[in-house]
Amino acid sequence: MKHRLILQQMFDSQFPLGGFAHSGGLESYTAQPLKPPQLLALLGNHIRLGGLRLEVSAMALVYADSDPEQLAQELTAWKSTPTSLHASTALGKRLIKLARRLWGVELPKLSEQHFALQCALLGRQLHLPLEDLCLAYSQAQITSMLSACTRCMPLSPEQAQEILLGLQDTLLSETLQRIQQPELSSAMPALDLRSHQQAFLYTRLFQS
């Protein structure tokens, strides 16, 4: 059961990665806030077609011993905006330091230290089950995005939890499918554009 405790620790909001500072581009919707059904649909597409599809596929591939350096370069190519690339690599660099300090694990130095890849590499060294690791990673990413929305949109914490509950079946089915059939692809141009626009907002609470 220890792997469950490790997963809870890795993806807890108190784990000092700084993920709370990123909104995934959602802050740029502040001027025209999304209603809960719209946000549910957007995040569902993010899981099925966008960044989470890409990252969970990469996690499954590197966990199965694909070349992490090649995957790092491919992820960099798929990250279409500088802001989304920076968020991924900044979190990955922090995880490398924490893995060394907390678990004595030396993660490989890649040309781009993508967070998803380093999570999978750490999980493999700590013998964390891939399905549990990918589900915890995915739900933590969605939870972080919803938390950002509660701070920059008229969305209550209760509404955020309702949306999360409404996404969990999608998270389960899509995560298992990506593990069985990993495919590096991402097709969410709307959210990519919002992520790029967020860097030019006059007032910002988050990184994109």
Protein backbone atom coordinates (compact mmCIF):
# COMPACT_ATOMS: atom_id res chain seq x y z
CA MET A 1 0.00 0.00 0.00
CA LYS A 2 2.98 2.31 0.26
CA HIS A 3 2.73 3.30 -3.40
CA ARG A 4 -0.64 4.91 -2.63
CA LEU A 5 0.95 7.10 0.01
CA ILE A 6 3.73 8.11 -2.38
CA LEU A 7 1.21 9.02 -5.09
CA GLN A 8 -0.83 11.08 -2.63
CA GLN A 9 2.34 12.88 -1.58
CA MET A 10 3.57 13.51 -5.14
CA PHE A 11 0.32 15.05 -6.31
CA ASP A 12 -0.77 16.81 -3.14
CA SER A 13 -1.13 20.58 -3.37
CA GLN A 14 1.47 20.90 -0.58
CA PHE A 15 4.14 19.12 -2.61
CA PRO A 16 6.52 22.00 -3.42
CA LEU A 17 6.51 21.90 -7.21
CA GLY A 18 4.81 25.24 -7.78
CA GLY A 19 2.09 23.82 -10.00
CA PHE A 20 -0.43 26.13 -8.31
CA ALA A 21 1.17 29.04 -10.21
CA HIS A 22 0.02 27.72 -13.59
CA SER A 23 -3.49 27.87 -15.07
CA GLY A 24 -2.90 26.12 -18.40
CA GLY A 25 -4.13 29.19 -20.25
CA LEU A 26 -7.50 29.30 -18.49
CA GLU A 27 -6.85 32.72 -16.94
CA SER A 28 -7.18 34.25 -20.40
CA TYR A 29 -10.90 33.38 -20.27
CA THR A 30 -11.38 35.84 -17.39
CA ALA A 31 -12.85 38.60 -19.57
CA GLN A 32 -15.51 36.19 -20.84
CA PRO A 33 -15.70 33.53 -18.12
CA LEU A 34 -16.72 30.02 -19.07
CA LYS A 35 -19.91 28.65 -17.59
CA PRO A 36 -19.64 25.26 -15.85
CA PRO A 37 -20.99 23.25 -18.83
CA GLN A 38 -18.50 24.99 -21.14
CA LEU A 39 -15.63 24.35 -18.75
CA LEU A 40 -16.67 20.70 -18.45
CA ALA A 41 -16.61 20.34 -22.24
CA LEU A 42 -13.28 22.15 -22.59
CA LEU A 43 -11.53 20.02 -19.98
CA GLY A 44 -13.08 16.88 -21.42
CA ASN A 45 -11.51 17.74 -24.77
CA HIS A 46 -8.23 18.46 -23.01
CA ILE A 47 -8.29 14.90 -21.68
CA ARG A 48 -9.42 13.23 -24.91
CA LEU A 49 -7.64 15.31 -27.54
CA GLY A 50 -5.24 17.79 -25.96
CA GLY A 51 -2.32 18.09 -23.63
CA LEU A 52 -3.30 15.30 -21.27
CA ARG A 53 -3.66 12.83 -24.14
CA LEU A 54 -0.15 13.75 -25.24
CA GLU A 55 1.41 13.58 -21.78
CA VAL A 56 -0.19 10.34 -20.62
CA SER A 57 0.88 8.67 -23.88
CA ALA A 58 4.44 9.89 -23.29
CA MET A 59 4.34 8.57 -19.72
CA ALA A 60 3.22 5.14 -20.92
CA LEU A 61 5.96 5.03 -23.55
CA VAL A 62 8.81 6.06 -21.25
CA TYR A 63 7.57 3.72 -18.50
CA ALA A 64 7.77 0.90 -21.07
CA ASP A 65 11.44 1.80 -21.64
CA SER A 66 11.22 3.97 -24.77
CA ASP A 67 14.12 6.37 -25.20
CA PRO A 68 13.38 9.31 -22.82
CA GLU A 69 15.59 11.73 -24.76
CA GLN A 70 13.74 11.09 -28.01
CA LEU A 71 10.41 11.47 -26.22
CA ALA A 72 11.61 14.73 -24.66
CA GLN A 73 12.38 16.15 -28.09
CA GLU A 74 9.04 14.99 -29.45
CA LEU A 75 7.14 16.53 -26.54
CA THR A 76 8.97 19.80 -27.12
CA ALA A 77 7.86 19.72 -30.75
CA TRP A 78 4.26 19.08 -29.72
CA LYS A 79 4.20 21.91 -27.15
CA SER A 80 3.06 24.60 -29.56
CA THR A 81 3.53 27.67 -27.36
CA PRO A 82 6.54 28.83 -25.32
CA THR A 83 4.38 29.19 -22.22
CA SER A 84 3.13 25.59 -22.21
CA LEU A 85 6.67 24.37 -22.89
CA HIS A 86 8.07 26.42 -20.01
CA ALA A 87 5.42 25.16 -17.59
CA SER A 88 6.22 21.55 -18.47
CA THR A 89 9.98 21.89 -18.15
CA ALA A 90 9.94 24.11 -15.05
CA LEU A 91 7.90 21.55 -13.11
CA GLY A 92 10.11 18.75 -14.40
CA LYS A 93 13.28 20.47 -13.16
CA ARG A 94 11.79 20.90 -9.69
CA LEU A 95 10.74 17.26 -9.58
CA ILE A 96 14.31 16.17 -10.35
CA LYS A 97 15.57 18.04 -7.28
CA LEU A 98 12.80 16.71 -5.06
CA ALA A 99 13.32 13.13 -6.24
CA ARG A 100 16.98 13.34 -5.25
CA ARG A 101 16.26 14.93 -1.88
CA LEU A 102 13.24 12.88 -0.80
CA TRP A 103 13.82 9.45 -2.31
CA GLY A 104 17.50 9.47 -3.28
CA VAL A 105 16.53 8.90 -6.92
CA GLU A 106 18.68 10.35 -9.69
CA LEU A 107 16.49 11.12 -12.68
CA PRO A 108 18.15 11.43 -16.11
CA LYS A 109 19.13 14.82 -17.47
CA LEU A 110 17.29 15.34 -20.73
CA SER A 111 17.49 18.13 -23.27
CA GLU A 112 14.04 19.24 -22.04
CA GLN A 113 12.97 18.13 -18.56
CA HIS A 114 9.28 17.57 -19.21
CA PHE A 115 7.24 17.01 -16.06
CA ALA A 116 5.23 14.08 -17.44
CA LEU A 117 8.37 12.20 -18.47
CA GLN A 118 10.11 12.76 -15.15
CA CYS A 119 6.97 11.66 -13.27
CA ALA A 120 6.95 8.40 -15.22
CA LEU A 121 10.68 7.85 -14.76
CA LEU A 122 10.38 8.49 -11.02
CA GLY A 123 7.32 6.24 -10.79
CA ARG A 124 9.15 3.41 -12.52
CA GLN A 125 12.10 3.66 -10.12
CA LEU A 126 9.75 3.73 -7.12
CA HIS A 127 7.79 0.75 -8.54
CA LEU A 128 4.52 2.68 -8.74
CA PRO A 129 1.86 0.96 -10.89
CA LEU A 130 1.57 2.75 -14.23
CA GLU A 131 -2.24 2.90 -14.19
CA ASP A 132 -2.30 4.49 -10.73
CA LEU A 133 0.51 6.88 -11.64
CA CYS A 134 -1.17 8.11 -14.83
CA LEU A 135 -4.57 8.49 -13.17
CA ALA A 136 -3.09 10.43 -10.26
CA TYR A 137 -1.13 12.63 -12.67
CA SER A 138 -4.19 13.31 -14.83
CA GLN A 139 -6.56 14.10 -11.98
CA ALA A 140 -3.96 16.36 -10.36
CA GLN A 141 -3.58 18.32 -13.61
CA ILE A 142 -7.35 18.78 -13.95
CA THR A 143 -7.71 19.66 -10.27
CA SER A 144 -5.02 22.32 -10.60
CA MET A 145 -6.76 23.87 -13.62
CA LEU A 146 -10.10 23.91 -11.80
CA SER A 147 -8.48 25.47 -8.76
CA ALA A 148 -7.15 28.26 -10.97
CA CYS A 149 -10.66 28.80 -12.34
CA THR A 150 -12.10 29.30 -8.85
CA ARG A 151 -9.68 32.21 -8.41
CA CYS A 152 -10.24 34.01 -11.70
CA MET A 153 -13.81 33.10 -12.70
CA PRO A 154 -17.19 33.07 -10.93
CA LEU A 155 -16.80 29.36 -10.18
CA SER A 156 -17.31 28.08 -6.65
CA PRO A 157 -15.25 25.23 -5.16
CA GLU A 158 -18.44 23.17 -5.08
CA GLN A 159 -19.00 23.71 -8.80
CA ALA A 160 -15.37 22.80 -9.46
CA GLN A 161 -15.82 19.51 -7.62
CA GLU A 162 -18.98 18.78 -9.60
CA ILE A 163 -17.04 19.29 -12.83
CA LEU A 164 -14.23 17.05 -11.58
CA LEU A 165 -16.75 14.34 -10.74
CA GLY A 166 -18.26 14.72 -14.19
CA LEU A 167 -14.82 14.17 -15.77
CA GLN A 168 -13.73 11.13 -13.80
CA ASP A 169 -15.27 8.53 -16.12
CA THR A 170 -13.51 10.24 -19.03
CA LEU A 171 -10.26 10.26 -17.08
CA LEU A 172 -10.58 6.54 -16.38
CA SER A 173 -11.43 5.45 -19.90
CA GLU A 174 -9.01 7.75 -21.70
CA THR A 175 -6.10 7.05 -19.36
CA LEU A 176 -6.46 3.30 -19.75
CA GLN A 177 -6.76 3.65 -23.52
CA ARG A 178 -3.61 5.77 -23.72
CA ILE A 179 -1.70 3.20 -21.66
CA GLN A 180 -2.82 0.43 -23.99
CA GLN A 181 -2.41 2.47 -27.17
CA PRO A 182 -0.06 5.40 -26.54
CA GLU A 183 -0.13 7.98 -29.30
CA LEU A 184 1.78 11.26 -29.28
CA SER A 185 -0.77 13.74 -30.53
CA SER A 186 -2.48 16.91 -29.34
CA ALA A 187 -5.31 18.76 -31.05
CA MET A 188 -6.48 21.58 -28.80
CA PRO A 189 -5.58 24.76 -30.73
CA ALA A 190 -8.14 26.84 -28.82
CA LEU A 191 -6.48 26.18 -25.46
CA ASP A 192 -3.02 26.53 -27.01
CA LEU A 193 -3.95 29.99 -28.30
CA ARG A 194 -5.38 30.97 -24.92
CA SER A 195 -2.16 29.83 -23.28
CA HIS A 196 -0.19 32.09 -25.62
CA GLN A 197 -2.57 35.02 -25.06
CA GLN A 198 -2.27 34.73 -21.31
CA ALA A 199 1.34 35.90 -21.45
CA PHE A 200 0.10 39.28 -22.75
CA LEU A 201 -2.65 39.98 -20.23
CA TYR A 202 -2.34 43.32 -18.47
CA THR A 203 -2.95 41.75 -15.06
CA ARG A 204 -2.08 38.15 -14.27
CA LEU A 205 -2.46 35.83 -11.32
CA PHE A 206 -0.94 32.74 -12.94
CA GLN A 207 1.61 31.53 -15.41
CA SER A 208 -0.04 29.95 -18.43
